[in-house]
Amino acid sequence: PVLVRCTISRATDGVPTHFAGSILDLTERKVHEERIHRLAFYDSLTDLPNRRLLVERLQQALHTWTLHGQAAAVLMLDLDRFKTLNDTHGHAAGDHLLQAVGRRLVETVRSFDMVARLSGDEFVVLLENLGPDPVTAAATASEVAQVVLAALDAPYTLDVGVVHYSASIGVMIAAEHGLTVDTVLKNADVALYQAKESGRNAVRLFHPSM
């Protein structure tokens, strides 16, 4: 990337005679801009999108439902008994596990689905383009959640040894008009709480009765 500035000099009759200018290398500026962008929109530990970028993408997904009738789903998950790892082996081991979880999530879902880290051991998977039927969208999202659950339940090899950590997942289907980003995330969190209350290592789909 370069910035080019130039000026044309003309004779008295208006005929161009020569031009002079400068070429500025913008490589360092672009690297700096990219660094600022990543700090603003990506989690520094896992390099996954953060809450800010998730909110923007979820807002777009809700807009897509309004315009084109394509449902989306939010899978909100956190690790069961994650605090035990930090207390037993220290935060470095916990960070290592969170990085491994982020990689597994990205490898498990479709390439165009978003995996974001909200905070601590809480992650969100945003599934888009699930079709116009909320029932079918719910079935698809539940199937994906079960695949994610199985992937995260496999053992992790960390510096401190091999550990096992399951996850709990709450699912919210974004397929009704009038939903806001806050409502979708809140409902997914409620479903996550129900999954934990049921004994952990489980998936629960949000229902208004919750």
Protein backbone atom coordinates (compact mmCIF):
# COMPACT_ATOMS: atom_id res chain seq x y z
CA PRO A 1 0.00 0.00 0.00
CA VAL A 2 1.29 3.41 -0.99
CA LEU A 3 0.04 6.98 -1.05
CA VAL A 4 0.89 8.81 -4.29
CA ARG A 5 0.75 12.58 -4.64
CA CYS A 6 1.68 14.35 -7.84
CA THR A 7 1.44 17.74 -9.54
CA ILE A 8 1.50 18.39 -13.27
CA SER A 9 3.40 21.42 -14.56
CA ARG A 10 2.23 23.01 -17.80
CA ALA A 11 3.68 25.41 -20.33
CA THR A 12 2.01 28.77 -21.01
CA ASP A 13 -0.06 27.18 -23.76
CA GLY A 14 -1.38 24.58 -21.28
CA VAL A 15 0.60 21.64 -22.62
CA PRO A 16 1.87 19.39 -19.79
CA THR A 17 5.66 19.49 -19.56
CA HIS A 18 6.44 17.36 -16.52
CA PHE A 19 5.11 16.21 -13.20
CA ALA A 20 6.63 15.96 -9.75
CA GLY A 21 5.42 14.08 -6.73
CA SER A 22 6.05 11.65 -3.92
CA ILE A 23 5.29 8.03 -3.09
CA LEU A 24 4.80 7.22 0.60
CA ASP A 25 5.04 3.62 1.81
CA LEU A 26 1.97 2.95 4.00
CA THR A 27 3.03 -0.50 5.25
CA GLU A 28 3.71 0.59 8.82
CA ARG A 29 0.51 2.64 8.97
CA LYS A 30 -1.56 -0.31 7.75
CA VAL A 31 0.07 -2.63 10.29
CA HIS A 32 -0.73 -0.12 13.02
CA GLU A 33 -4.35 0.22 11.86
CA GLU A 34 -4.74 -3.57 11.79
CA ARG A 35 -3.32 -3.80 15.32
CA ILE A 36 -5.81 -1.20 16.56
CA HIS A 37 -8.66 -3.04 14.81
CA ARG A 38 -7.73 -6.37 16.40
CA LEU A 39 -7.47 -4.80 19.83
CA ALA A 40 -10.95 -3.32 19.38
CA PHE A 41 -12.74 -6.36 17.93
CA TYR A 42 -10.75 -9.49 18.91
CA ASP A 43 -9.89 -11.23 22.14
CA SER A 44 -6.18 -10.99 22.86
CA LEU A 45 -5.90 -14.47 24.42
CA THR A 46 -7.75 -16.63 21.90
CA ASP A 47 -7.69 -14.28 18.86
CA LEU A 48 -11.44 -14.87 18.53
CA PRO A 49 -13.98 -12.11 17.94
CA ASN A 50 -14.92 -10.34 21.17
CA ARG A 51 -18.31 -9.17 22.45
CA ARG A 52 -18.20 -5.96 20.40
CA LEU A 53 -17.77 -7.79 17.10
CA LEU A 54 -20.31 -10.45 18.10
CA VAL A 55 -22.92 -7.78 18.82
CA GLU A 56 -22.38 -6.24 15.37
CA ARG A 57 -22.65 -9.62 13.63
CA LEU A 58 -25.71 -10.63 15.63
CA GLN A 59 -27.37 -7.34 14.77
CA GLN A 60 -26.79 -8.13 11.09
CA ALA A 61 -28.26 -11.61 11.58
CA LEU A 62 -31.41 -10.16 13.13
CA HIS A 63 -31.66 -7.74 10.21
CA THR A 64 -31.32 -10.67 7.79
CA TRP A 65 -34.25 -12.41 9.51
CA THR A 66 -36.38 -9.28 9.15
CA LEU A 67 -35.54 -8.80 5.46
CA HIS A 68 -35.08 -12.33 4.13
CA GLY A 69 -36.57 -14.69 6.70
CA GLN A 70 -33.30 -16.48 7.46
CA ALA A 71 -33.17 -17.63 11.08
CA ALA A 72 -30.07 -17.53 13.25
CA ALA A 73 -29.16 -19.18 16.53
CA VAL A 74 -26.88 -18.36 19.43
CA LEU A 75 -25.11 -21.11 21.33
CA MET A 76 -23.82 -19.73 24.63
CA LEU A 77 -21.49 -22.04 26.51
CA ASP A 78 -19.03 -22.15 29.32
CA LEU A 79 -16.81 -24.83 30.75
CA ASP A 80 -17.95 -26.90 33.69
CA ARG A 81 -15.80 -26.43 36.81
CA PHE A 82 -13.25 -24.26 34.98
CA LYS A 83 -12.39 -22.44 38.22
CA THR A 84 -10.98 -25.71 39.58
CA LEU A 85 -8.25 -25.72 36.93
CA ASN A 86 -7.19 -22.16 37.75
CA ASP A 87 -7.20 -22.89 41.49
CA THR A 88 -5.25 -26.12 41.09
CA HIS A 89 -2.74 -25.37 38.34
CA GLY A 90 -2.76 -21.58 37.98
CA HIS A 91 -4.03 -19.12 35.40
CA ALA A 92 -1.45 -20.12 32.78
CA ALA A 93 -3.04 -23.57 32.58
CA GLY A 94 -6.47 -21.96 32.41
CA ASP A 95 -5.38 -19.71 29.55
CA HIS A 96 -3.94 -22.71 27.70
CA LEU A 97 -7.26 -24.54 28.03
CA LEU A 98 -9.25 -21.53 26.80
CA GLN A 99 -7.05 -21.31 23.71
CA ALA A 100 -7.58 -25.02 23.05
CA VAL A 101 -11.35 -24.65 23.47
CA GLY A 102 -11.40 -21.74 21.01
CA ARG A 103 -9.55 -23.80 18.41
CA ARG A 104 -11.92 -26.75 18.81
CA LEU A 105 -14.97 -24.57 18.43
CA VAL A 106 -13.65 -23.02 15.21
CA GLU A 107 -12.81 -26.47 13.84
CA THR A 108 -16.24 -27.88 14.76
CA VAL A 109 -18.64 -25.34 13.27
CA ARG A 110 -19.01 -24.17 9.68
CA SER A 111 -16.40 -21.80 8.29
CA PHE A 112 -18.88 -18.91 8.03
CA ASP A 113 -20.27 -19.30 11.55
CA MET A 114 -18.81 -17.02 14.20
CA VAL A 115 -17.09 -18.19 17.36
CA ALA A 116 -16.59 -15.43 19.93
CA ARG A 117 -15.22 -15.25 23.44
CA LEU A 118 -17.30 -13.07 25.76
CA SER A 119 -15.30 -13.24 28.97
CA GLY A 120 -13.61 -15.77 31.22
CA ASP A 121 -14.61 -19.25 30.04
CA GLU A 122 -17.78 -18.04 28.30
CA PHE A 123 -17.96 -18.48 24.52
CA VAL A 124 -20.69 -17.90 21.92
CA VAL A 125 -21.26 -19.59 18.58
CA LEU A 126 -23.45 -17.68 16.14
CA LEU A 127 -25.13 -19.88 13.52
CA GLU A 128 -26.63 -18.03 10.56
CA ASN A 129 -28.76 -18.85 7.49
CA LEU A 130 -30.72 -21.63 9.18
CA GLY A 131 -33.74 -21.21 6.91
CA PRO A 132 -37.19 -19.67 7.33
CA ASP A 133 -38.72 -22.30 9.64
CA PRO A 134 -38.00 -21.75 13.36
CA VAL A 135 -38.65 -25.42 14.17
CA THR A 136 -36.11 -26.60 11.61
CA ALA A 137 -33.67 -23.93 12.78
CA ALA A 138 -34.04 -25.14 16.36
CA ALA A 139 -33.42 -28.75 15.33
CA THR A 140 -30.31 -27.78 13.36
CA ALA A 141 -28.94 -25.63 16.18
CA SER A 142 -29.56 -28.40 18.72
CA GLU A 143 -27.70 -30.89 16.52
CA VAL A 144 -24.75 -28.52 16.20
CA ALA A 145 -24.78 -27.97 19.96
CA GLN A 146 -24.55 -31.72 20.56
CA VAL A 147 -21.60 -31.98 18.16
CA VAL A 148 -19.90 -29.08 19.95
CA LEU A 149 -20.60 -30.71 23.32
CA ALA A 150 -18.94 -33.94 22.20
CA ALA A 151 -15.94 -32.10 20.73
CA LEU A 152 -15.31 -30.16 23.92
CA ASP A 153 -15.69 -33.28 26.07
CA ALA A 154 -12.61 -34.93 24.52
CA PRO A 155 -9.43 -34.78 26.65
CA TYR A 156 -7.08 -31.79 26.46
CA THR A 157 -3.29 -32.10 26.57
CA LEU A 158 -1.91 -29.13 28.51
CA ASP A 159 1.49 -28.36 29.97
CA VAL A 160 0.20 -29.66 33.31
CA GLY A 161 -0.92 -32.96 31.75
CA VAL A 162 -4.09 -34.42 30.25
CA VAL A 163 -7.30 -32.92 31.62
CA HIS A 164 -11.01 -33.44 30.97
CA TYR A 165 -13.49 -30.58 30.91
CA SER A 166 -17.06 -30.69 29.69
CA ALA A 167 -19.26 -27.72 28.81
CA SER A 168 -22.84 -26.59 29.23
CA ILE A 169 -24.68 -24.94 26.35
CA GLY A 170 -27.74 -22.72 26.13
CA VAL A 171 -29.38 -22.24 22.72
CA MET A 172 -31.53 -19.31 21.62
CA ILE A 173 -33.22 -19.25 18.20
CA ALA A 174 -33.43 -15.79 16.62
CA ALA A 175 -36.49 -16.26 14.43
CA GLU A 176 -39.12 -13.81 15.54
CA HIS A 177 -39.64 -10.15 14.83
CA GLY A 178 -38.81 -7.54 17.41
CA LEU A 179 -35.88 -9.35 18.98
CA THR A 180 -32.91 -7.29 20.12
CA VAL A 181 -29.31 -8.34 20.56
CA ASP A 182 -29.63 -7.95 24.34
CA THR A 183 -32.73 -10.15 24.44
CA VAL A 184 -31.13 -12.91 22.36
CA LEU A 185 -28.01 -12.98 24.53
CA LYS A 186 -30.02 -12.81 27.75
CA ASN A 187 -32.26 -15.69 26.70
CA ALA A 188 -29.27 -17.79 25.64
CA ASP A 189 -27.75 -17.13 29.06
CA VAL A 190 -30.97 -18.25 30.75
CA ALA A 191 -30.89 -21.48 28.76
CA LEU A 192 -27.23 -21.95 29.71
CA TYR A 193 -28.16 -21.62 33.37
CA GLN A 194 -30.82 -24.31 32.90
CA ALA A 195 -28.21 -26.59 31.31
CA LYS A 196 -25.97 -26.17 34.34
CA GLU A 197 -28.85 -26.71 36.73
CA SER A 198 -29.69 -29.98 34.99
CA GLY A 199 -26.31 -31.45 35.90
CA ARG A 200 -23.88 -29.82 33.45
CA ASN A 201 -22.46 -31.30 30.23
CA ALA A 202 -25.86 -30.64 28.69
CA VAL A 203 -27.71 -28.59 26.06
CA ARG A 204 -30.88 -26.65 26.75
CA LEU A 205 -32.98 -24.77 24.19
CA PHE A 206 -34.52 -21.54 25.42
CA HIS A 207 -38.26 -21.58 25.98
CA PRO A 208 -40.30 -18.60 27.23
CA SER A 209 -41.37 -20.67 30.26
CA MET A 210 -37.78 -20.42 31.52
